[in-house]
Every structure is written in structure tokens, then in C-alpha cells.
Amino acid sequence: AKDFSSRTNISGAVSVKFNSDDSEVTFYVPDGATELSKSDKGTIAS
């Protein structure tokens, strides 16, 4: 997540949170990510 923050043009850090058994992982991106195109969002997700 930290390395990804430095590789993208998203302003702000990307953080991550895990549930108790790591079966769910959630990445938190800056609010500006909502302005990205669907294609860019897909690239980040992949």
C-alpha cells in the first residue's frame, strides 16, 4: 500500500486494514479517487 502511494498520481497515502483472520482486506485511498475514470479504478484494483 505504501509503495503504491508513491507510484500513483493520487494525492495522499493509501492505507490498509485487515479483519481478525485476514479473510478480508480493505484498502483506503484518498477521497479524490472517486473522480477517477472507471478504467483507472479498475487498474488500481487489479
ModelCIF file with pLDDT and N, C-alpha, C, O atoms, coordinates in Angstrom:
data_MODEL
#
_entry.id   MODEL 
#
_entity.id                         1 
_entity.type                       polymer 
_entity.pdbx_number_of_molecules   1 
#
_entity_poly.entity_id                      1 
_entity_poly.type                           'polypeptide(L)' 
_entity_poly.nstd_linkage                   no 
_entity_poly.nstd_monomer                   no 
_entity_poly.pdbx_seq_one_letter_code       AKDFSSRTNISGAVSVKFNSDDSEVTFYVPDGATELSKSDKGTIAS 
_entity_poly.pdbx_seq_one_letter_code_can   AKDFSSRTNISGAVSVKFNSDDSEVTFYVPDGATELSKSDKGTIAS 
_entity_poly.pdbx_strand_id                 A 
#
loop_
_entity_poly_seq.entity_id 
_entity_poly_seq.num 
_entity_poly_seq.mon_id 
_entity_poly_seq.hetero 
1 1  ALA n 
1 2  LYS n 
1 3  ASP n 
1 4  PHE n 
1 5  SER n 
1 6  SER n 
1 7  ARG n 
1 8  THR n 
1 9  ASN n 
1 10 ILE n 
1 11 SER n 
1 12 GLY n 
1 13 ALA n 
1 14 VAL n 
1 15 SER n 
1 16 VAL n 
1 17 LYS n 
1 18 PHE n 
1 19 ASN n 
1 20 SER n 
1 21 ASP n 
1 22 ASP n 
1 23 SER n 
1 24 GLU n 
1 25 VAL n 
1 26 THR n 
1 27 PHE n 
1 28 TYR n 
1 29 VAL n 
1 30 PRO n 
1 31 ASP n 
1 32 GLY n 
1 33 ALA n 
1 34 THR n 
1 35 GLU n 
1 36 LEU n 
1 37 SER n 
1 38 LYS n 
1 39 SER n 
1 40 ASP n 
1 41 LYS n 
1 42 GLY n 
1 43 THR n 
1 44 ILE n 
1 45 ALA n 
1 46 SER n 
#
_struct_asym.id          A 
_struct_asym.entity_id   1 
#
loop_
_ma_qa_metric.id 
_ma_qa_metric.mode 
_ma_qa_metric.name 
_ma_qa_metric.software_group_id 
_ma_qa_metric.type 
1 global pLDDT . pLDDT 
2 local  pLDDT . pLDDT 
#
_ma_qa_metric_global.metric_id      1 
_ma_qa_metric_global.metric_value   84.89 
_ma_qa_metric_global.model_id       1 
_ma_qa_metric_global.ordinal_id     1 
#
loop_
_ma_qa_metric_local.label_asym_id 
_ma_qa_metric_local.label_comp_id 
_ma_qa_metric_local.label_seq_id 
_ma_qa_metric_local.metric_id 
_ma_qa_metric_local.metric_value 
_ma_qa_metric_local.model_id 
_ma_qa_metric_local.ordinal_id 
A ALA 1  2 86.00 1 1  
A LYS 2  2 84.00 1 2  
A ASP 3  2 82.00 1 3  
A PHE 4  2 79.00 1 4  
A SER 5  2 74.00 1 5  
A SER 6  2 70.00 1 6  
A ARG 7  2 66.00 1 7  
A THR 8  2 65.00 1 8  
A ASN 9  2 61.00 1 9  
A ILE 10 2 66.00 1 10 
A SER 11 2 69.00 1 11 
A GLY 12 2 77.00 1 12 
A ALA 13 2 81.00 1 13 
A VAL 14 2 87.00 1 14 
A SER 15 2 90.00 1 15 
A VAL 16 2 93.00 1 16 
A LYS 17 2 93.00 1 17 
A PHE 18 2 93.00 1 18 
A ASN 19 2 90.00 1 19 
A SER 20 2 88.00 1 20 
A ASP 21 2 86.00 1 21 
A ASP 22 2 87.00 1 22 
A SER 23 2 89.00 1 23 
A GLU 24 2 93.00 1 24 
A VAL 25 2 94.00 1 25 
A THR 26 2 94.00 1 26 
A PHE 27 2 93.00 1 27 
A TYR 28 2 92.00 1 28 
A VAL 29 2 90.00 1 29 
A PRO 30 2 88.00 1 30 
A ASP 31 2 85.00 1 31 
A GLY 32 2 85.00 1 32 
A ALA 33 2 85.00 1 33 
A THR 34 2 87.00 1 34 
A GLU 35 2 88.00 1 35 
A LEU 36 2 87.00 1 36 
A SER 37 2 88.00 1 37 
A LYS 38 2 89.00 1 38 
A SER 39 2 88.00 1 39 
A ASP 40 2 87.00 1 40 
A LYS 41 2 89.00 1 41 
A GLY 42 2 89.00 1 42 
A THR 43 2 88.00 1 43 
A ILE 44 2 89.00 1 44 
A ALA 45 2 90.00 1 45 
A SER 46 2 91.00 1 46 
#
loop_
_atom_site.group_PDB 
_atom_site.id 
_atom_site.type_symbol 
_atom_site.label_atom_id 
_atom_site.label_alt_id 
_atom_site.label_comp_id 
_atom_site.label_asym_id 
_atom_site.label_entity_id 
_atom_site.label_seq_id 
_atom_site.pdbx_PDB_ins_code 
_atom_site.Cartn_x 
_atom_site.Cartn_y 
_atom_site.Cartn_z 
_atom_site.occupancy 
_atom_site.B_iso_or_equiv 
_atom_site.pdbx_formal_charge 
_atom_site.auth_seq_id 
_atom_site.auth_comp_id 
_atom_site.auth_asym_id 
_atom_site.auth_atom_id 
_atom_site.pdbx_PDB_model_num 
ATOM 1   N N  . ALA A 1 1  ? 0.825   -1.206  0.000   1.00 86.00 ? 1  ALA A N  1 
ATOM 2   C CA . ALA A 1 1  ? 0.000   0.000   0.000   1.00 86.00 ? 1  ALA A CA 1 
ATOM 3   C C  . ALA A 1 1  ? 0.865   1.265   0.000   1.00 86.00 ? 1  ALA A C  1 
ATOM 4   O O  . ALA A 1 1  ? 0.583   2.225   -0.717  1.00 86.00 ? 1  ALA A O  1 
ATOM 5   N N  . LYS A 1 2  ? 1.913   1.246   0.809   1.00 84.00 ? 2  LYS A N  1 
ATOM 6   C CA . LYS A 1 2  ? 2.794   2.421   0.888   1.00 84.00 ? 2  LYS A CA 1 
ATOM 7   C C  . LYS A 1 2  ? 3.522   2.630   -0.431  1.00 84.00 ? 2  LYS A C  1 
ATOM 8   O O  . LYS A 1 2  ? 3.658   3.762   -0.895  1.00 84.00 ? 2  LYS A O  1 
ATOM 9   N N  . ASP A 1 3  ? 3.992   1.541   -1.038  1.00 82.00 ? 3  ASP A N  1 
ATOM 10  C CA . ASP A 1 3  ? 4.715   1.635   -2.297  1.00 82.00 ? 3  ASP A CA 1 
ATOM 11  C C  . ASP A 1 3  ? 3.779   2.098   -3.407  1.00 82.00 ? 3  ASP A C  1 
ATOM 12  O O  . ASP A 1 3  ? 4.179   2.855   -4.292  1.00 82.00 ? 3  ASP A O  1 
ATOM 13  N N  . PHE A 1 4  ? 2.525   1.636   -3.352  1.00 79.00 ? 4  PHE A N  1 
ATOM 14  C CA . PHE A 1 4  ? 1.554   2.032   -4.372  1.00 79.00 ? 4  PHE A CA 1 
ATOM 15  C C  . PHE A 1 4  ? 1.283   3.525   -4.312  1.00 79.00 ? 4  PHE A C  1 
ATOM 16  O O  . PHE A 1 4  ? 1.071   4.157   -5.347  1.00 79.00 ? 4  PHE A O  1 
ATOM 17  N N  . SER A 1 5  ? 1.288   4.096   -3.114  1.00 74.00 ? 5  SER A N  1 
ATOM 18  C CA . SER A 1 5  ? 1.034   5.529   -2.959  1.00 74.00 ? 5  SER A CA 1 
ATOM 19  C C  . SER A 1 5  ? 2.070   6.347   -3.704  1.00 74.00 ? 5  SER A C  1 
ATOM 20  O O  . SER A 1 5  ? 1.747   7.381   -4.288  1.00 74.00 ? 5  SER A O  1 
ATOM 21  N N  . SER A 1 6  ? 3.310   5.890   -3.687  1.00 70.00 ? 6  SER A N  1 
ATOM 22  C CA . SER A 1 6  ? 4.382   6.642   -4.334  1.00 70.00 ? 6  SER A CA 1 
ATOM 23  C C  . SER A 1 6  ? 4.407   6.439   -5.848  1.00 70.00 ? 6  SER A C  1 
ATOM 24  O O  . SER A 1 6  ? 5.065   7.195   -6.564  1.00 70.00 ? 6  SER A O  1 
ATOM 25  N N  . ARG A 1 7  ? 3.684   5.409   -6.346  1.00 66.00 ? 7  ARG A N  1 
ATOM 26  C CA . ARG A 1 7  ? 3.699   5.087   -7.763  1.00 66.00 ? 7  ARG A CA 1 
ATOM 27  C C  . ARG A 1 7  ? 2.545   5.746   -8.525  1.00 66.00 ? 7  ARG A C  1 
ATOM 28  O O  . ARG A 1 7  ? 2.568   5.778   -9.755  1.00 66.00 ? 7  ARG A O  1 
ATOM 29  N N  . THR A 1 8  ? 1.546   6.268   -7.828  1.00 65.00 ? 8  THR A N  1 
ATOM 30  C CA . THR A 1 8  ? 0.358   6.801   -8.497  1.00 65.00 ? 8  THR A CA 1 
ATOM 31  C C  . THR A 1 8  ? 0.294   8.306   -8.362  1.00 65.00 ? 8  THR A C  1 
ATOM 32  O O  . THR A 1 8  ? 1.022   8.935   -7.593  1.00 65.00 ? 8  THR A O  1 
ATOM 33  N N  . ASN A 1 9  ? -0.624  8.853   -9.156  1.00 61.00 ? 9  ASN A N  1 
ATOM 34  C CA . ASN A 1 9  ? -0.808  10.307  -9.100  1.00 61.00 ? 9  ASN A CA 1 
ATOM 35  C C  . ASN A 1 9  ? -1.905  10.711  -8.139  1.00 61.00 ? 9  ASN A C  1 
ATOM 36  O O  . ASN A 1 9  ? -2.389  11.842  -8.167  1.00 61.00 ? 9  ASN A O  1 
ATOM 37  N N  . ILE A 1 10 ? -2.308  9.737   -7.251  1.00 66.00 ? 10 ILE A N  1 
ATOM 38  C CA . ILE A 1 10 ? -3.316  10.055  -6.251  1.00 66.00 ? 10 ILE A CA 1 
ATOM 39  C C  . ILE A 1 10 ? -2.634  10.811  -5.129  1.00 66.00 ? 10 ILE A C  1 
ATOM 40  O O  . ILE A 1 10 ? -1.636  10.351  -4.574  1.00 66.00 ? 10 ILE A O  1 
ATOM 41  N N  . SER A 1 11 ? -3.163  11.943  -4.808  1.00 69.00 ? 11 SER A N  1 
ATOM 42  C CA . SER A 1 11 ? -2.566  12.706  -3.717  1.00 69.00 ? 11 SER A CA 1 
ATOM 43  C C  . SER A 1 11 ? -3.022  12.135  -2.387  1.00 69.00 ? 11 SER A C  1 
ATOM 44  O O  . SER A 1 11 ? -4.220  12.012  -2.131  1.00 69.00 ? 11 SER A O  1 
ATOM 45  N N  . GLY A 1 12 ? -2.068  11.790  -1.549  1.00 77.00 ? 12 GLY A N  1 
ATOM 46  C CA . GLY A 1 12 ? -2.398  11.214  -0.247  1.00 77.00 ? 12 GLY A CA 1 
ATOM 47  C C  . GLY A 1 12 ? -1.995  9.754   -0.160  1.00 77.00 ? 12 GLY A C  1 
ATOM 48  O O  . GLY A 1 12 ? -1.849  9.072   -1.174  1.00 77.00 ? 12 GLY A O  1 
ATOM 49  N N  . ALA A 1 13 ? -1.819  9.285   1.061   1.00 81.00 ? 13 ALA A N  1 
ATOM 50  C CA . ALA A 1 13 ? -1.348  7.917   1.287   1.00 81.00 ? 13 ALA A CA 1 
ATOM 51  C C  . ALA A 1 13 ? -2.479  6.905   1.158   1.00 81.00 ? 13 ALA A C  1 
ATOM 52  O O  . ALA A 1 13 ? -3.652  7.224   1.349   1.00 81.00 ? 13 ALA A O  1 
ATOM 53  N N  . VAL A 1 14 ? -2.089  5.675   0.826   1.00 87.00 ? 14 VAL A N  1 
ATOM 54  C CA . VAL A 1 14 ? -3.025  4.548   0.783   1.00 87.00 ? 14 VAL A CA 1 
ATOM 55  C C  . VAL A 1 14 ? -2.763  3.692   2.024   1.00 87.00 ? 14 VAL A C  1 
ATOM 56  O O  . VAL A 1 14 ? -1.634  3.264   2.265   1.00 87.00 ? 14 VAL A O  1 
ATOM 57  N N  . SER A 1 15 ? -3.777  3.458   2.780   1.00 90.00 ? 15 SER A N  1 
ATOM 58  C CA . SER A 1 15 ? -3.631  2.632   3.989   1.00 90.00 ? 15 SER A CA 1 
ATOM 59  C C  . SER A 1 15 ? -4.406  1.319   3.804   1.00 90.00 ? 15 SER A C  1 
ATOM 60  O O  . SER A 1 15 ? -5.151  1.159   2.837   1.00 90.00 ? 15 SER A O  1 
ATOM 61  N N  . VAL A 1 16 ? -4.220  0.391   4.741   1.00 93.00 ? 16 VAL A N  1 
ATOM 62  C CA . VAL A 1 16 ? -4.872  -0.915  4.606   1.00 93.00 ? 16 VAL A CA 1 
ATOM 63  C C  . VAL A 1 16 ? -5.317  -1.405  5.976   1.00 93.00 ? 16 VAL A C  1 
ATOM 64  O O  . VAL A 1 16 ? -4.673  -1.126  6.987   1.00 93.00 ? 16 VAL A O  1 
ATOM 65  N N  . LYS A 1 17 ? -6.414  -2.131  5.998   1.00 93.00 ? 17 LYS A N  1 
ATOM 66  C CA . LYS A 1 17 ? -6.950  -2.670  7.243   1.00 93.00 ? 17 LYS A CA 1 
ATOM 67  C C  . LYS A 1 17 ? -7.345  -4.138  7.026   1.00 93.00 ? 17 LYS A C  1 
ATOM 68  O O  . LYS A 1 17 ? -7.815  -4.513  5.952   1.00 93.00 ? 17 LYS A O  1 
ATOM 69  N N  . PHE A 1 18 ? -7.146  -4.950  8.056   1.00 93.00 ? 18 PHE A N  1 
ATOM 70  C CA . PHE A 1 18 ? -7.444  -6.389  7.979   1.00 93.00 ? 18 PHE A CA 1 
ATOM 71  C C  . PHE A 1 18 ? -8.494  -6.752  9.032   1.00 93.00 ? 18 PHE A C  1 
ATOM 72  O O  . PHE A 1 18 ? -8.543  -6.148  10.104  1.00 93.00 ? 18 PHE A O  1 
ATOM 73  N N  . ASN A 1 19 ? -9.328  -7.739  8.717   1.00 90.00 ? 19 ASN A N  1 
ATOM 74  C CA . ASN A 1 19 ? -10.197 -8.262  9.779   1.00 90.00 ? 19 ASN A CA 1 
ATOM 75  C C  . ASN A 1 19 ? -9.403  -9.257  10.619  1.00 90.00 ? 19 ASN A C  1 
ATOM 76  O O  . ASN A 1 19 ? -8.214  -9.458  10.373  1.00 90.00 ? 19 ASN A O  1 
ATOM 77  N N  . SER A 1 20 ? -10.039 -9.881  11.603  1.00 88.00 ? 20 SER A N  1 
ATOM 78  C CA . SER A 1 20 ? -9.307  -10.676 12.595  1.00 88.00 ? 20 SER A CA 1 
ATOM 79  C C  . SER A 1 20 ? -8.529  -11.843 12.002  1.00 88.00 ? 20 SER A C  1 
ATOM 80  O O  . SER A 1 20 ? -7.439  -12.155 12.482  1.00 88.00 ? 20 SER A O  1 
ATOM 81  N N  . ASP A 1 21 ? -9.061  -12.498 10.967  1.00 86.00 ? 21 ASP A N  1 
ATOM 82  C CA . ASP A 1 21 ? -8.364  -13.658 10.405  1.00 86.00 ? 21 ASP A CA 1 
ATOM 83  C C  . ASP A 1 21 ? -7.796  -13.384 9.008   1.00 86.00 ? 21 ASP A C  1 
ATOM 84  O O  . ASP A 1 21 ? -7.422  -14.311 8.289   1.00 86.00 ? 21 ASP A O  1 
ATOM 85  N N  . ASP A 1 22 ? -7.737  -12.125 8.639   1.00 87.00 ? 22 ASP A N  1 
ATOM 86  C CA . ASP A 1 22 ? -7.173  -11.706 7.343   1.00 87.00 ? 22 ASP A CA 1 
ATOM 87  C C  . ASP A 1 22 ? -7.965  -12.234 6.151   1.00 87.00 ? 22 ASP A C  1 
ATOM 88  O O  . ASP A 1 22 ? -7.446  -12.269 5.035   1.00 87.00 ? 22 ASP A O  1 
ATOM 89  N N  . SER A 1 23 ? -9.197  -12.638 6.366   1.00 89.00 ? 23 SER A N  1 
ATOM 90  C CA . SER A 1 23 ? -10.005 -13.111 5.235   1.00 89.00 ? 23 SER A CA 1 
ATOM 91  C C  . SER A 1 23 ? -10.570 -11.940 4.439   1.00 89.00 ? 23 SER A C  1 
ATOM 92  O O  . SER A 1 23 ? -11.004 -12.103 3.299   1.00 89.00 ? 23 SER A O  1 
ATOM 93  N N  . GLU A 1 24 ? -10.558 -10.755 5.053   1.00 93.00 ? 24 GLU A N  1 
ATOM 94  C CA . GLU A 1 24 ? -10.995 -9.542  4.358   1.00 93.00 ? 24 GLU A CA 1 
ATOM 95  C C  . GLU A 1 24 ? -9.912  -8.470  4.489   1.00 93.00 ? 24 GLU A C  1 
ATOM 96  O O  . GLU A 1 24 ? -9.395  -8.209  5.576   1.00 93.00 ? 24 GLU A O  1 
ATOM 97  N N  . VAL A 1 25 ? -9.586  -7.859  3.349   1.00 94.00 ? 25 VAL A N  1 
ATOM 98  C CA . VAL A 1 25 ? -8.572  -6.788  3.319   1.00 94.00 ? 25 VAL A CA 1 
ATOM 99  C C  . VAL A 1 25 ? -9.210  -5.564  2.664   1.00 94.00 ? 25 VAL A C  1 
ATOM 100 O O  . VAL A 1 25 ? -9.805  -5.658  1.591   1.00 94.00 ? 25 VAL A O  1 
ATOM 101 N N  . THR A 1 26 ? -9.076  -4.423  3.323   1.00 94.00 ? 26 THR A N  1 
ATOM 102 C CA . THR A 1 26 ? -9.663  -3.182  2.788   1.00 94.00 ? 26 THR A CA 1 
ATOM 103 C C  . THR A 1 26 ? -8.575  -2.126  2.625   1.00 94.00 ? 26 THR A C  1 
ATOM 104 O O  . THR A 1 26 ? -7.876  -1.777  3.576   1.00 94.00 ? 26 THR A O  1 
ATOM 105 N N  . PHE A 1 27 ? -8.449  -1.629  1.405   1.00 93.00 ? 27 PHE A N  1 
ATOM 106 C CA . PHE A 1 27 ? -7.507  -0.541  1.118   1.00 93.00 ? 27 PHE A CA 1 
ATOM 107 C C  . PHE A 1 27 ? -8.284  0.777   1.151   1.00 93.00 ? 27 PHE A C  1 
ATOM 108 O O  . PHE A 1 27 ? -9.367  0.889   0.576   1.00 93.00 ? 27 PHE A O  1 
ATOM 109 N N  . TYR A 1 28 ? -7.715  1.760   1.828   1.00 92.00 ? 28 TYR A N  1 
ATOM 110 C CA . TYR A 1 28 ? -8.338  3.083   1.905   1.00 92.00 ? 28 TYR A CA 1 
ATOM 111 C C  . TYR A 1 28 ? -7.511  4.072   1.075   1.00 92.00 ? 28 TYR A C  1 
ATOM 112 O O  . TYR A 1 28 ? -6.322  4.270   1.323   1.00 92.00 ? 28 TYR A O  1 
ATOM 113 N N  . VAL A 1 29 ? -8.155  4.674   0.106   1.00 90.00 ? 29 VAL A N  1 
ATOM 114 C CA . VAL A 1 29 ? -7.478  5.624   -0.784  1.00 90.00 ? 29 VAL A CA 1 
ATOM 115 C C  . VAL A 1 29 ? -8.022  7.027   -0.506  1.00 90.00 ? 29 VAL A C  1 
ATOM 116 O O  . VAL A 1 29 ? -9.087  7.171   0.094   1.00 90.00 ? 29 VAL A O  1 
ATOM 117 N N  . PRO A 1 30 ? -7.309  8.038   -0.930  1.00 88.00 ? 30 PRO A N  1 
ATOM 118 C CA . PRO A 1 30 ? -7.806  9.417   -0.733  1.00 88.00 ? 30 PRO A CA 1 
ATOM 119 C C  . PRO A 1 30 ? -9.158  9.618   -1.401  1.00 88.00 ? 30 PRO A C  1 
ATOM 120 O O  . PRO A 1 30 ? -9.502  8.913   -2.349  1.00 88.00 ? 30 PRO A O  1 
ATOM 121 N N  . ASP A 1 31 ? -9.917  10.580  -0.903  1.00 85.00 ? 31 ASP A N  1 
ATOM 122 C CA . ASP A 1 31 ? -11.264 10.816  -1.415  1.00 85.00 ? 31 ASP A CA 1 
ATOM 123 C C  . ASP A 1 31 ? -11.269 11.199  -2.888  1.00 85.00 ? 31 ASP A C  1 
ATOM 124 O O  . ASP A 1 31 ? -12.268 11.019  -3.586  1.00 85.00 ? 31 ASP A O  1 
ATOM 125 N N  . GLY A 1 32 ? -10.149 11.726  -3.348  1.00 85.00 ? 32 GLY A N  1 
ATOM 126 C CA . GLY A 1 32 ? -10.086 12.142  -4.754  1.00 85.00 ? 32 GLY A CA 1 
ATOM 127 C C  . GLY A 1 32 ? -10.171 10.986  -5.719  1.00 85.00 ? 32 GLY A C  1 
ATOM 128 O O  . GLY A 1 32 ? -10.350 11.204  -6.917  1.00 85.00 ? 32 GLY A O  1 
ATOM 129 N N  . ALA A 1 33 ? -10.049 9.758   -5.237  1.00 85.00 ? 33 ALA A N  1 
ATOM 130 C CA . ALA A 1 33 ? -10.106 8.588   -6.130  1.00 85.00 ? 33 ALA A CA 1 
ATOM 131 C C  . ALA A 1 33 ? -11.478 8.435   -6.761  1.00 85.00 ? 33 ALA A C  1 
ATOM 132 O O  . ALA A 1 33 ? -11.621 7.768   -7.786  1.00 85.00 ? 33 ALA A O  1 
ATOM 133 N N  . THR A 1 34 ? -12.478 9.043   -6.162  1.00 87.00 ? 34 THR A N  1 
ATOM 134 C CA . THR A 1 34 ? -13.828 8.931   -6.732  1.00 87.00 ? 34 THR A CA 1 
ATOM 135 C C  . THR A 1 34 ? -13.927 9.652   -8.073  1.00 87.00 ? 34 THR A C  1 
ATOM 136 O O  . THR A 1 34 ? -14.837 9.373   -8.854  1.00 87.00 ? 34 THR A O  1 
ATOM 137 N N  . GLU A 1 35 ? -12.995 10.586  -8.355  1.00 88.00 ? 35 GLU A N  1 
ATOM 138 C CA . GLU A 1 35 ? -13.018 11.346  -9.604  1.00 88.00 ? 35 GLU A CA 1 
ATOM 139 C C  . GLU A 1 35 ? -12.334 10.599  -10.735 1.00 88.00 ? 35 GLU A C  1 
ATOM 140 O O  . GLU A 1 35 ? -12.387 11.037  -11.885 1.00 88.00 ? 35 GLU A O  1 
ATOM 141 N N  . LEU A 1 36 ? -11.691 9.474   -10.427 1.00 87.00 ? 36 LEU A N  1 
ATOM 142 C CA . LEU A 1 36 ? -11.002 8.719   -11.464 1.00 87.00 ? 36 LEU A CA 1 
ATOM 143 C C  . LEU A 1 36 ? -11.997 8.029   -12.378 1.00 87.00 ? 36 LEU A C  1 
ATOM 144 O O  . LEU A 1 36 ? -13.142 7.773   -12.004 1.00 87.00 ? 36 LEU A O  1 
ATOM 145 N N  . SER A 1 37 ? -11.532 7.733   -13.588 1.00 88.00 ? 37 SER A N  1 
ATOM 146 C CA . SER A 1 37 ? -12.387 7.010   -14.524 1.00 88.00 ? 37 SER A CA 1 
ATOM 147 C C  . SER A 1 37 ? -12.547 5.567   -14.065 1.00 88.00 ? 37 SER A C  1 
ATOM 148 O O  . SER A 1 37 ? -11.782 5.068   -13.239 1.00 88.00 ? 37 SER A O  1 
ATOM 149 N N  . LYS A 1 38 ? -13.556 4.917   -14.619 1.00 89.00 ? 38 LYS A N  1 
ATOM 150 C CA . LYS A 1 38 ? -13.797 3.511   -14.246 1.00 89.00 ? 38 LYS A CA 1 
ATOM 151 C C  . LYS A 1 38 ? -12.603 2.644   -14.641 1.00 89.00 ? 38 LYS A C  1 
ATOM 152 O O  . LYS A 1 38 ? -12.259 1.681   -13.956 1.00 89.00 ? 38 LYS A O  1 
ATOM 153 N N  . SER A 1 39 ? -11.981 3.010   -15.764 1.00 88.00 ? 39 SER A N  1 
ATOM 154 C CA . SER A 1 39 ? -10.821 2.247   -16.230 1.00 88.00 ? 39 SER A CA 1 
ATOM 155 C C  . SER A 1 39 ? -9.653  2.383   -15.256 1.00 88.00 ? 39 SER A C  1 
ATOM 156 O O  . SER A 1 39 ? -8.977  1.402   -14.944 1.00 88.00 ? 39 SER A O  1 
ATOM 157 N N  . ASP A 1 40 ? -9.418  3.624   -14.772 1.00 87.00 ? 40 ASP A N  1 
ATOM 158 C CA . ASP A 1 40 ? -8.319  3.845   -13.825 1.00 87.00 ? 40 ASP A CA 1 
ATOM 159 C C  . ASP A 1 40 ? -8.597  3.130   -12.497 1.00 87.00 ? 40 ASP A C  1 
ATOM 160 O O  . ASP A 1 40 ? -7.696  2.564   -11.878 1.00 87.00 ? 40 ASP A O  1 
ATOM 161 N N  . LYS A 1 41 ? -9.840  3.171   -12.088 1.00 89.00 ? 41 LYS A N  1 
ATOM 162 C CA . LYS A 1 41 ? -10.212 2.465   -10.854 1.00 89.00 ? 41 LYS A CA 1 
ATOM 163 C C  . LYS A 1 41 ? -9.945  0.964   -11.014 1.00 89.00 ? 41 LYS A C  1 
ATOM 164 O O  . LYS A 1 41 ? -9.452  0.308   -10.096 1.00 89.00 ? 41 LYS A O  1 
ATOM 165 N N  . GLY A 1 42 ? -10.278 0.437   -12.192 1.00 89.00 ? 42 GLY A N  1 
ATOM 166 C CA . GLY A 1 42 ? -10.047 -0.985  -12.449 1.00 89.00 ? 42 GLY A CA 1 
ATOM 167 C C  . GLY A 1 42 ? -8.577  -1.332  -12.430 1.00 89.00 ? 42 GLY A C  1 
ATOM 168 O O  . GLY A 1 42 ? -8.184  -2.391  -11.942 1.00 89.00 ? 42 GLY A O  1 
ATOM 169 N N  . THR A 1 43 ? -7.748  -0.418  -12.974 1.00 88.00 ? 43 THR A N  1 
ATOM 170 C CA . THR A 1 43 ? -6.298  -0.656  -12.993 1.00 88.00 ? 43 THR A CA 1 
ATOM 171 C C  . THR A 1 43 ? -5.745  -0.700  -11.568 1.00 88.00 ? 43 THR A C  1 
ATOM 172 O O  . THR A 1 43 ? -4.935  -1.563  -11.230 1.00 88.00 ? 43 THR A O  1 
ATOM 173 N N  . ILE A 1 44 ? -6.197  0.244   -10.740 1.00 89.00 ? 44 ILE A N  1 
ATOM 174 C CA . ILE A 1 44 ? -5.755  0.270   -9.336  1.00 89.00 ? 44 ILE A CA 1 
ATOM 175 C C  . ILE A 1 44 ? -6.183  -1.005  -8.612  1.00 89.00 ? 44 ILE A C  1 
ATOM 176 O O  . ILE A 1 44 ? -5.402  -1.614  -7.881  1.00 89.00 ? 44 ILE A O  1 
ATOM 177 N N  . ALA A 1 45 ? -7.427  -1.392  -8.830  1.00 90.00 ? 45 ALA A N  1 
ATOM 178 C CA . ALA A 1 45 ? -7.957  -2.586  -8.152  1.00 90.00 ? 45 ALA A CA 1 
ATOM 179 C C  . ALA A 1 45 ? -7.199  -3.840  -8.568  1.00 90.00 ? 45 ALA A C  1 
ATOM 180 O O  . ALA A 1 45 ? -6.850  -4.669  -7.727  1.00 90.00 ? 45 ALA A O  1 
ATOM 181 N N  . SER A 1 46 ? -6.945  -3.978  -9.876  1.00 91.00 ? 46 SER A N  1 
ATOM 182 C CA . SER A 1 46 ? -6.220  -5.159  -10.355 1.00 91.00 ? 46 SER A CA 1 
ATOM 183 C C  . SER A 1 46 ? -4.835  -5.238  -9.744  1.00 91.00 ? 46 SER A C  1 
ATOM 184 O O  . SER A 1 46 ? -4.083  -6.169  -10.035 1.00 91.00 ? 46 SER A O  1 
#
